[in-house]
Amino acid sequence: MSNNPLTQTLRKTMNDPQLEWARPRRMRRTFVVVFLGLVLLQPTLPLMTGSILGILLLIIPLMFVAAMLNAGIRGMTELRSRDLDEREEKIRNTVYAKLYWPGVLLGMASAFMISSVGDDGRQIVVAAGLSIFFIAIALPALWLAWSLPDEPGAG
């Protein structure tokens, strides 16, 4: 990178040529599948480790995959409207409108499941609620990563 990614604008970071490998459709779809796989594996970790803290084992790989998903769509879900061109803003707004109610329902389901914290063996329910929460907040990025076509000139 030509500049420090912590001090440069997010738009510049998301358009960095070093991230071109994450932008082809096939790679973005691979990240979607890996993200969903990690999230669906996550509820089993409390059973395998015997503690709800077993969930922490997936945080680093999950953060990496989420960052690569975001880089693959050039940060469309993270950037401010003023940093997007008209086409990108229209695509993002359409996806947000389409996924509003599914996101709300997933969020409510995850809140209900997470609120059932207790010592009576409900760790799997809480962990599954956390998985649903991760999917709910990543839903727009997952949708864009899966559905956007390859950029012109991508090879």
N, C-alpha and C. Protein backbone atom coordinates (compact mmCIF):
# COMPACT_ATOMS: atom_id res chain seq x y z
N MET A 1 0.82 -1.16 0.00
CA MET A 1 0.00 0.00 0.00
C MET A 1 0.87 1.23 0.00
N SER A 2 0.43 2.22 -0.71
CA SER A 2 1.22 3.44 -0.80
C SER A 2 1.12 4.26 0.48
N ASN A 3 0.00 4.18 1.19
CA ASN A 3 -0.19 4.92 2.43
C ASN A 3 -0.56 3.97 3.55
N ASN A 4 -0.53 4.50 4.75
CA ASN A 4 -0.94 3.73 5.91
C ASN A 4 -2.46 3.56 5.86
N PRO A 5 -2.97 2.32 5.85
CA PRO A 5 -4.42 2.12 5.75
C PRO A 5 -5.18 2.65 6.96
N LEU A 6 -4.49 2.90 8.07
CA LEU A 6 -5.16 3.43 9.25
C LEU A 6 -5.36 4.94 9.18
N THR A 7 -4.61 5.61 8.28
CA THR A 7 -4.74 7.07 8.18
C THR A 7 -5.34 7.53 6.87
N GLN A 8 -5.43 6.66 5.88
CA GLN A 8 -6.01 7.07 4.60
C GLN A 8 -7.51 6.86 4.62
N THR A 9 -8.18 7.43 3.63
CA THR A 9 -9.63 7.31 3.58
C THR A 9 -10.02 5.85 3.32
N LEU A 10 -11.21 5.48 3.81
CA LEU A 10 -11.69 4.11 3.61
C LEU A 10 -11.87 3.82 2.13
N ARG A 11 -12.32 4.81 1.37
CA ARG A 11 -12.52 4.63 -0.08
C ARG A 11 -11.20 4.24 -0.75
N LYS A 12 -10.12 4.90 -0.36
CA LYS A 12 -8.81 4.59 -0.94
C LYS A 12 -8.36 3.18 -0.55
N THR A 13 -8.60 2.82 0.70
CA THR A 13 -8.23 1.48 1.16
C THR A 13 -9.01 0.41 0.40
N MET A 14 -10.31 0.62 0.20
CA MET A 14 -11.16 -0.36 -0.48
C MET A 14 -10.84 -0.48 -1.97
N ASN A 15 -10.22 0.53 -2.55
CA ASN A 15 -9.85 0.47 -3.97
C ASN A 15 -8.38 0.15 -4.18
N ASP A 16 -7.71 -0.27 -3.14
CA ASP A 16 -6.29 -0.58 -3.23
C ASP A 16 -6.06 -1.73 -4.21
N PRO A 17 -5.13 -1.58 -5.14
CA PRO A 17 -4.86 -2.64 -6.12
C PRO A 17 -4.39 -3.96 -5.49
N GLN A 18 -3.84 -3.90 -4.28
CA GLN A 18 -3.39 -5.12 -3.63
C GLN A 18 -4.55 -6.04 -3.25
N LEU A 19 -5.77 -5.50 -3.26
CA LEU A 19 -6.94 -6.30 -2.92
C LEU A 19 -7.67 -6.83 -4.15
N GLU A 20 -7.09 -6.66 -5.32
CA GLU A 20 -7.73 -7.13 -6.56
C GLU A 20 -8.02 -8.62 -6.54
N TRP A 21 -7.21 -9.39 -5.86
CA TRP A 21 -7.41 -10.85 -5.82
C TRP A 21 -8.73 -11.22 -5.14
N ALA A 22 -9.27 -10.33 -4.29
CA ALA A 22 -10.51 -10.63 -3.57
C ALA A 22 -11.75 -10.20 -4.34
N ARG A 23 -11.59 -9.58 -5.50
CA ARG A 23 -12.73 -9.00 -6.21
C ARG A 23 -13.40 -9.87 -7.27
N PRO A 24 -12.75 -10.87 -7.84
CA PRO A 24 -13.48 -11.71 -8.80
C PRO A 24 -14.67 -12.41 -8.15
N ARG A 25 -15.71 -12.61 -8.92
CA ARG A 25 -16.94 -13.19 -8.41
C ARG A 25 -16.71 -14.54 -7.73
N ARG A 26 -15.88 -15.36 -8.34
CA ARG A 26 -15.61 -16.69 -7.78
C ARG A 26 -14.99 -16.59 -6.39
N MET A 27 -14.06 -15.65 -6.20
CA MET A 27 -13.41 -15.47 -4.90
C MET A 27 -14.41 -14.91 -3.89
N ARG A 28 -15.23 -13.96 -4.31
CA ARG A 28 -16.24 -13.40 -3.40
C ARG A 28 -17.21 -14.48 -2.95
N ARG A 29 -17.63 -15.33 -3.88
CA ARG A 29 -18.55 -16.42 -3.52
C ARG A 29 -17.88 -17.42 -2.58
N THR A 30 -16.60 -17.64 -2.77
CA THR A 30 -15.86 -18.51 -1.86
C THR A 30 -15.86 -17.92 -0.45
N PHE A 31 -15.65 -16.62 -0.34
CA PHE A 31 -15.68 -15.96 0.96
C PHE A 31 -17.07 -16.04 1.60
N VAL A 32 -18.13 -15.95 0.79
CA VAL A 32 -19.48 -16.07 1.33
C VAL A 32 -19.68 -17.46 1.93
N VAL A 33 -19.26 -18.48 1.20
CA VAL A 33 -19.41 -19.86 1.68
C VAL A 33 -18.58 -20.09 2.94
N VAL A 34 -17.35 -19.58 2.96
CA VAL A 34 -16.49 -19.75 4.15
C VAL A 34 -17.09 -19.00 5.34
N PHE A 35 -17.57 -17.79 5.12
CA PHE A 35 -18.20 -17.02 6.20
C PHE A 35 -19.38 -17.80 6.78
N LEU A 36 -20.27 -18.26 5.91
CA LEU A 36 -21.44 -19.01 6.39
C LEU A 36 -21.02 -20.31 7.08
N GLY A 37 -19.99 -20.96 6.56
CA GLY A 37 -19.49 -22.18 7.20
C GLY A 37 -18.96 -21.92 8.60
N LEU A 38 -18.17 -20.85 8.75
CA LEU A 38 -17.65 -20.50 10.08
C LEU A 38 -18.78 -20.14 11.04
N VAL A 39 -19.74 -19.39 10.54
CA VAL A 39 -20.86 -18.98 11.39
C VAL A 39 -21.71 -20.18 11.80
N LEU A 40 -21.90 -21.11 10.90
CA LEU A 40 -22.70 -22.29 11.22
C LEU A 40 -21.93 -23.29 12.10
N LEU A 41 -20.62 -23.27 12.02
CA LEU A 41 -19.79 -24.12 12.88
C LEU A 41 -19.75 -23.58 14.30
N GLN A 42 -19.89 -22.29 14.43
CA GLN A 42 -19.73 -21.62 15.72
C GLN A 42 -20.61 -22.16 16.84
N PRO A 43 -21.88 -22.53 16.63
CA PRO A 43 -22.67 -23.04 17.75
C PRO A 43 -22.17 -24.37 18.32
N THR A 44 -21.41 -25.12 17.54
CA THR A 44 -20.92 -26.40 18.05
C THR A 44 -19.71 -26.23 18.97
N LEU A 45 -19.04 -25.10 18.90
CA LEU A 45 -17.83 -24.90 19.71
C LEU A 45 -18.09 -24.95 21.21
N PRO A 46 -19.17 -24.36 21.72
CA PRO A 46 -19.41 -24.50 23.17
C PRO A 46 -19.59 -25.96 23.59
N LEU A 47 -20.17 -26.77 22.71
CA LEU A 47 -20.32 -28.19 23.04
C LEU A 47 -18.97 -28.89 23.06
N MET A 48 -18.11 -28.55 22.11
CA MET A 48 -16.80 -29.21 22.03
C MET A 48 -15.85 -28.74 23.11
N THR A 49 -15.91 -27.46 23.47
CA THR A 49 -14.98 -26.93 24.46
C THR A 49 -15.55 -26.93 25.87
N GLY A 50 -16.87 -27.06 25.98
CA GLY A 50 -17.50 -27.07 27.30
C GLY A 50 -17.72 -25.68 27.87
N SER A 51 -17.47 -24.65 27.06
CA SER A 51 -17.62 -23.28 27.55
C SER A 51 -18.12 -22.40 26.42
N ILE A 52 -18.91 -21.42 26.77
CA ILE A 52 -19.38 -20.46 25.77
C ILE A 52 -18.22 -19.65 25.22
N LEU A 53 -17.11 -19.61 25.95
CA LEU A 53 -15.93 -18.89 25.48
C LEU A 53 -15.26 -19.59 24.29
N GLY A 54 -15.69 -20.81 24.00
CA GLY A 54 -15.18 -21.50 22.82
C GLY A 54 -15.49 -20.77 21.54
N ILE A 55 -16.48 -19.90 21.59
CA ILE A 55 -16.84 -19.09 20.42
C ILE A 55 -15.67 -18.21 20.00
N LEU A 56 -14.85 -17.81 20.96
CA LEU A 56 -13.72 -16.93 20.65
C LEU A 56 -12.73 -17.56 19.68
N LEU A 57 -12.76 -18.89 19.55
CA LEU A 57 -11.84 -19.57 18.62
C LEU A 57 -12.07 -19.16 17.17
N LEU A 58 -13.27 -18.72 16.86
CA LEU A 58 -13.58 -18.36 15.47
C LEU A 58 -13.52 -16.87 15.18
N ILE A 59 -13.29 -16.05 16.18
CA ILE A 59 -13.36 -14.61 15.97
C ILE A 59 -12.33 -14.13 14.95
N ILE A 60 -11.09 -14.56 15.07
CA ILE A 60 -10.06 -14.07 14.14
C ILE A 60 -10.32 -14.52 12.71
N PRO A 61 -10.57 -15.82 12.45
CA PRO A 61 -10.86 -16.18 11.06
C PRO A 61 -12.14 -15.52 10.54
N LEU A 62 -13.13 -15.35 11.39
CA LEU A 62 -14.37 -14.72 10.97
C LEU A 62 -14.14 -13.24 10.62
N MET A 63 -13.32 -12.55 11.41
CA MET A 63 -13.01 -11.15 11.11
C MET A 63 -12.25 -11.03 9.80
N PHE A 64 -11.31 -11.95 9.54
CA PHE A 64 -10.55 -11.91 8.29
C PHE A 64 -11.47 -12.12 7.09
N VAL A 65 -12.33 -13.11 7.16
CA VAL A 65 -13.24 -13.41 6.04
C VAL A 65 -14.20 -12.25 5.83
N ALA A 66 -14.71 -11.66 6.90
CA ALA A 66 -15.61 -10.50 6.77
C ALA A 66 -14.89 -9.32 6.13
N ALA A 67 -13.64 -9.11 6.49
CA ALA A 67 -12.85 -8.03 5.88
C ALA A 67 -12.61 -8.29 4.40
N MET A 68 -12.36 -9.53 4.02
CA MET A 68 -12.14 -9.84 2.61
C MET A 68 -13.44 -9.74 1.81
N LEU A 69 -14.56 -10.10 2.43
CA LEU A 69 -15.85 -9.88 1.78
C LEU A 69 -16.06 -8.40 1.48
N ASN A 70 -15.76 -7.58 2.47
CA ASN A 70 -15.91 -6.14 2.31
C ASN A 70 -14.97 -5.60 1.24
N ALA A 71 -13.75 -6.09 1.22
CA ALA A 71 -12.80 -5.66 0.19
C ALA A 71 -13.24 -6.12 -1.19
N GLY A 72 -13.85 -7.29 -1.26
CA GLY A 72 -14.32 -7.82 -2.54
C GLY A 72 -15.43 -7.00 -3.17
N ILE A 73 -16.20 -6.32 -2.35
CA ILE A 73 -17.27 -5.47 -2.87
C ILE A 73 -16.90 -4.00 -2.77
N ARG A 74 -15.61 -3.74 -2.60
CA ARG A 74 -15.06 -2.39 -2.52
C ARG A 74 -15.69 -1.56 -1.41
N GLY A 75 -16.07 -2.21 -0.32
CA GLY A 75 -16.58 -1.49 0.83
C GLY A 75 -17.94 -0.84 0.64
N MET A 76 -18.70 -1.33 -0.31
CA MET A 76 -19.97 -0.69 -0.64
C MET A 76 -20.92 -0.56 0.55
N THR A 77 -20.87 -1.50 1.48
CA THR A 77 -21.76 -1.43 2.64
C THR A 77 -21.18 -0.59 3.77
N GLU A 78 -19.91 -0.24 3.68
CA GLU A 78 -19.24 0.50 4.74
C GLU A 78 -19.06 1.98 4.43
N LEU A 79 -18.98 2.31 3.16
CA LEU A 79 -18.67 3.69 2.77
C LEU A 79 -19.88 4.61 2.93
N ARG A 80 -19.60 5.88 3.15
CA ARG A 80 -20.66 6.89 3.19
C ARG A 80 -21.20 7.10 1.79
N SER A 81 -22.40 7.60 1.69
CA SER A 81 -23.02 7.84 0.38
C SER A 81 -22.19 8.79 -0.47
N ARG A 82 -21.57 9.77 0.15
CA ARG A 82 -20.77 10.74 -0.63
C ARG A 82 -19.52 10.10 -1.24
N ASP A 83 -19.11 8.94 -0.71
CA ASP A 83 -17.93 8.25 -1.24
C ASP A 83 -18.28 7.25 -2.34
N LEU A 84 -19.56 7.06 -2.61
CA LEU A 84 -20.00 6.12 -3.65
C LEU A 84 -20.41 6.89 -4.89
N ASP A 85 -20.23 6.26 -6.05
CA ASP A 85 -20.77 6.88 -7.25
C ASP A 85 -22.27 6.54 -7.34
N GLU A 86 -22.96 7.12 -8.29
CA GLU A 86 -24.42 6.95 -8.39
C GLU A 86 -24.82 5.49 -8.57
N ARG A 87 -24.08 4.76 -9.38
CA ARG A 87 -24.39 3.35 -9.63
C ARG A 87 -24.24 2.53 -8.35
N GLU A 88 -23.13 2.73 -7.64
CA GLU A 88 -22.90 1.99 -6.40
C GLU A 88 -23.94 2.33 -5.34
N GLU A 89 -24.29 3.60 -5.24
CA GLU A 89 -25.29 4.00 -4.26
C GLU A 89 -26.66 3.39 -4.58
N LYS A 90 -27.01 3.34 -5.85
CA LYS A 90 -28.29 2.74 -6.25
C LYS A 90 -28.30 1.24 -5.93
N ILE A 91 -27.21 0.56 -6.22
CA ILE A 91 -27.12 -0.88 -5.93
C ILE A 91 -27.24 -1.11 -4.42
N ARG A 92 -26.49 -0.35 -3.64
CA ARG A 92 -26.52 -0.51 -2.19
C ARG A 92 -27.91 -0.23 -1.63
N ASN A 93 -28.53 0.85 -2.07
CA ASN A 93 -29.85 1.19 -1.56
C ASN A 93 -30.89 0.13 -1.91
N THR A 94 -30.79 -0.44 -3.10
CA THR A 94 -31.70 -1.51 -3.51
C THR A 94 -31.53 -2.74 -2.62
N VAL A 95 -30.29 -3.09 -2.34
CA VAL A 95 -30.01 -4.26 -1.49
C VAL A 95 -30.49 -4.00 -0.07
N TYR A 96 -30.24 -2.82 0.45
CA TYR A 96 -30.72 -2.49 1.81
C TYR A 96 -32.24 -2.57 1.88
N ALA A 97 -32.92 -2.05 0.86
CA ALA A 97 -34.39 -2.10 0.86
C ALA A 97 -34.89 -3.54 0.78
N LYS A 98 -34.25 -4.34 -0.05
CA LYS A 98 -34.65 -5.73 -0.24
C LYS A 98 -34.43 -6.57 1.03
N LEU A 99 -33.38 -6.27 1.76
CA LEU A 99 -33.00 -7.09 2.92
C LEU A 99 -33.42 -6.49 4.26
N TYR A 100 -34.18 -5.41 4.25
CA TYR A 100 -34.56 -4.76 5.50
C TYR A 100 -35.34 -5.70 6.41
N TRP A 101 -36.45 -6.22 5.94
CA TRP A 101 -37.29 -7.08 6.79
C TRP A 101 -36.63 -8.42 7.13
N PRO A 102 -35.94 -9.06 6.19
CA PRO A 102 -35.22 -10.27 6.61
C PRO A 102 -34.18 -9.98 7.70
N GLY A 103 -33.50 -8.83 7.59
CA GLY A 103 -32.53 -8.46 8.62
C GLY A 103 -33.18 -8.19 9.96
N VAL A 104 -34.32 -7.51 9.95
CA VAL A 104 -35.04 -7.24 11.19
C VAL A 104 -35.49 -8.54 11.84
N LEU A 105 -36.05 -9.45 11.05
CA LEU A 105 -36.52 -10.72 11.60
C LEU A 105 -35.36 -11.58 12.14
N LEU A 106 -34.26 -11.60 11.40
CA LEU A 106 -33.10 -12.34 11.90
C LEU A 106 -32.56 -11.71 13.18
N GLY A 107 -32.52 -10.39 13.23
CA GLY A 107 -32.05 -9.69 14.43
C GLY A 107 -32.93 -9.97 15.63
N MET A 108 -34.26 -9.97 15.42
CA MET A 108 -35.18 -10.27 16.53
C MET A 108 -35.01 -11.72 17.00
N ALA A 109 -34.87 -12.64 16.05
CA ALA A 109 -34.68 -14.04 16.42
C ALA A 109 -33.38 -14.22 17.20
N SER A 110 -32.33 -13.55 16.75
CA SER A 110 -31.05 -13.69 17.47
C SER A 110 -31.13 -13.07 18.86
N ALA A 111 -31.81 -11.93 19.00
CA ALA A 111 -31.95 -11.31 20.33
C ALA A 111 -32.72 -12.23 21.27
N PHE A 112 -33.77 -12.86 20.77
CA PHE A 112 -34.55 -13.78 21.59
C PHE A 112 -33.68 -14.96 22.04
N MET A 113 -32.91 -15.50 21.10
CA MET A 113 -32.08 -16.66 21.43
C MET A 113 -30.95 -16.29 22.39
N ILE A 114 -30.32 -15.15 22.17
CA ILE A 114 -29.21 -14.72 23.03
C ILE A 114 -29.71 -14.40 24.43
N SER A 115 -30.94 -13.92 24.53
CA SER A 115 -31.47 -13.56 25.85
C SER A 115 -31.78 -14.78 26.71
N SER A 116 -31.66 -15.97 26.17
CA SER A 116 -31.95 -17.17 26.95
C SER A 116 -30.72 -17.70 27.67
N VAL A 117 -29.78 -16.82 27.98
CA VAL A 117 -28.56 -17.21 28.68
C VAL A 117 -28.93 -17.81 30.04
N GLY A 118 -28.32 -18.92 30.34
CA GLY A 118 -28.57 -19.58 31.62
C GLY A 118 -27.64 -20.75 31.80
N ASP A 119 -27.63 -21.31 32.97
CA ASP A 119 -26.77 -22.45 33.27
C ASP A 119 -27.47 -23.78 33.06
N ASP A 120 -28.60 -23.75 32.41
CA ASP A 120 -29.37 -24.97 32.25
C ASP A 120 -29.20 -25.61 30.86
N GLY A 121 -28.01 -25.50 30.29
CA GLY A 121 -27.74 -26.17 29.04
C GLY A 121 -28.19 -25.43 27.80
N ARG A 122 -28.42 -24.15 27.91
CA ARG A 122 -28.87 -23.38 26.74
C ARG A 122 -27.72 -22.73 25.99
N GLN A 123 -26.52 -23.14 26.24
CA GLN A 123 -25.37 -22.54 25.55
C GLN A 123 -25.50 -22.67 24.04
N ILE A 124 -26.00 -23.79 23.57
CA ILE A 124 -26.14 -24.00 22.13
C ILE A 124 -27.14 -23.01 21.54
N VAL A 125 -28.19 -22.70 22.30
CA VAL A 125 -29.20 -21.74 21.81
C VAL A 125 -28.60 -20.35 21.74
N VAL A 126 -27.84 -19.97 22.76
CA VAL A 126 -27.19 -18.66 22.76
C VAL A 126 -26.18 -18.58 21.61
N ALA A 127 -25.39 -19.62 21.42
CA ALA A 127 -24.41 -19.64 20.34
C ALA A 127 -25.09 -19.59 18.98
N ALA A 128 -26.19 -20.30 18.82
CA ALA A 128 -26.94 -20.24 17.55
C ALA A 128 -27.52 -18.85 17.34
N GLY A 129 -27.96 -18.20 18.41
CA GLY A 129 -28.45 -16.82 18.31
C GLY A 129 -27.35 -15.88 17.87
N LEU A 130 -26.15 -16.11 18.36
CA LEU A 130 -25.02 -15.30 17.94
C LEU A 130 -24.71 -15.52 16.46
N SER A 131 -24.81 -16.75 16.01
CA SER A 131 -24.61 -17.05 14.58
C SER A 131 -25.63 -16.31 13.72
N ILE A 132 -26.88 -16.33 14.15
CA ILE A 132 -27.93 -15.63 13.40
C ILE A 132 -27.65 -14.14 13.39
N PHE A 133 -27.16 -13.61 14.51
CA PHE A 133 -26.82 -12.18 14.58
C PHE A 133 -25.72 -11.85 13.57
N PHE A 134 -24.67 -12.67 13.50
CA PHE A 134 -23.59 -12.43 12.54
C PHE A 134 -24.12 -12.43 11.11
N ILE A 135 -25.01 -13.36 10.80
CA ILE A 135 -25.59 -13.40 9.45
C ILE A 135 -26.43 -12.15 9.21
N ALA A 136 -27.21 -11.73 10.21
CA ALA A 136 -28.07 -10.55 10.04
C ALA A 136 -27.26 -9.30 9.75
N ILE A 137 -26.17 -9.08 10.47
CA ILE A 137 -25.41 -7.86 10.23
C ILE A 137 -24.57 -7.93 8.96
N ALA A 138 -24.24 -9.13 8.50
CA ALA A 138 -23.45 -9.27 7.28
C ALA A 138 -24.32 -9.48 6.04
N LEU A 139 -25.61 -9.56 6.21
CA LEU A 139 -26.51 -9.91 5.10
C LEU A 139 -26.31 -9.03 3.85
N PRO A 140 -26.26 -7.70 3.96
CA PRO A 140 -26.05 -6.90 2.74
C PRO A 140 -24.72 -7.21 2.04
N ALA A 141 -23.65 -7.34 2.82
CA ALA A 141 -22.35 -7.64 2.21
C ALA A 141 -22.35 -9.03 1.59
N LEU A 142 -22.97 -10.00 2.26
CA LEU A 142 -23.06 -11.35 1.70
C LEU A 142 -23.84 -11.34 0.39
N TRP A 143 -24.95 -10.63 0.39
CA TRP A 143 -25.79 -10.56 -0.81
C TRP A 143 -25.02 -9.92 -1.97
N LEU A 144 -24.36 -8.80 -1.71
CA LEU A 144 -23.60 -8.12 -2.76
C LEU A 144 -22.44 -8.98 -3.24
N ALA A 145 -21.73 -9.61 -2.32
CA ALA A 145 -20.59 -10.45 -2.72
C ALA A 145 -21.04 -11.61 -3.59
N TRP A 146 -22.21 -12.16 -3.30
CA TRP A 146 -22.70 -13.29 -4.08
C TRP A 146 -23.26 -12.85 -5.44
N SER A 147 -23.95 -11.72 -5.47
CA SER A 147 -24.74 -11.39 -6.65
C SER A 147 -24.08 -10.41 -7.63
N LEU A 148 -23.13 -9.61 -7.20
CA LEU A 148 -22.53 -8.65 -8.12
C LEU A 148 -21.74 -9.38 -9.22
N PRO A 149 -21.87 -8.91 -10.43
CA PRO A 149 -21.08 -9.54 -11.51
C PRO A 149 -19.61 -9.12 -11.40
N ASP A 150 -18.78 -9.81 -12.17
CA ASP A 150 -17.38 -9.41 -12.23
C ASP A 150 -17.27 -8.01 -12.80
N GLU A 151 -16.27 -7.29 -12.32
CA GLU A 151 -16.04 -5.94 -12.84
C GLU A 151 -15.51 -6.03 -14.27
N PRO A 152 -15.80 -5.02 -15.09
CA PRO A 152 -15.25 -5.04 -16.45
C PRO A 152 -13.72 -5.10 -16.43
N GLY A 153 -13.16 -5.92 -17.27
CA GLY A 153 -11.72 -6.06 -17.35
C GLY A 153 -11.13 -6.98 -16.31
N ALA A 154 -11.96 -7.55 -15.43
CA ALA A 154 -11.45 -8.49 -14.42
C ALA A 154 -11.15 -9.81 -15.11
N GLY A 155 -10.09 -10.42 -14.70
CA GLY A 155 -9.76 -11.66 -15.36
C GLY A 155 -9.34 -12.71 -14.50
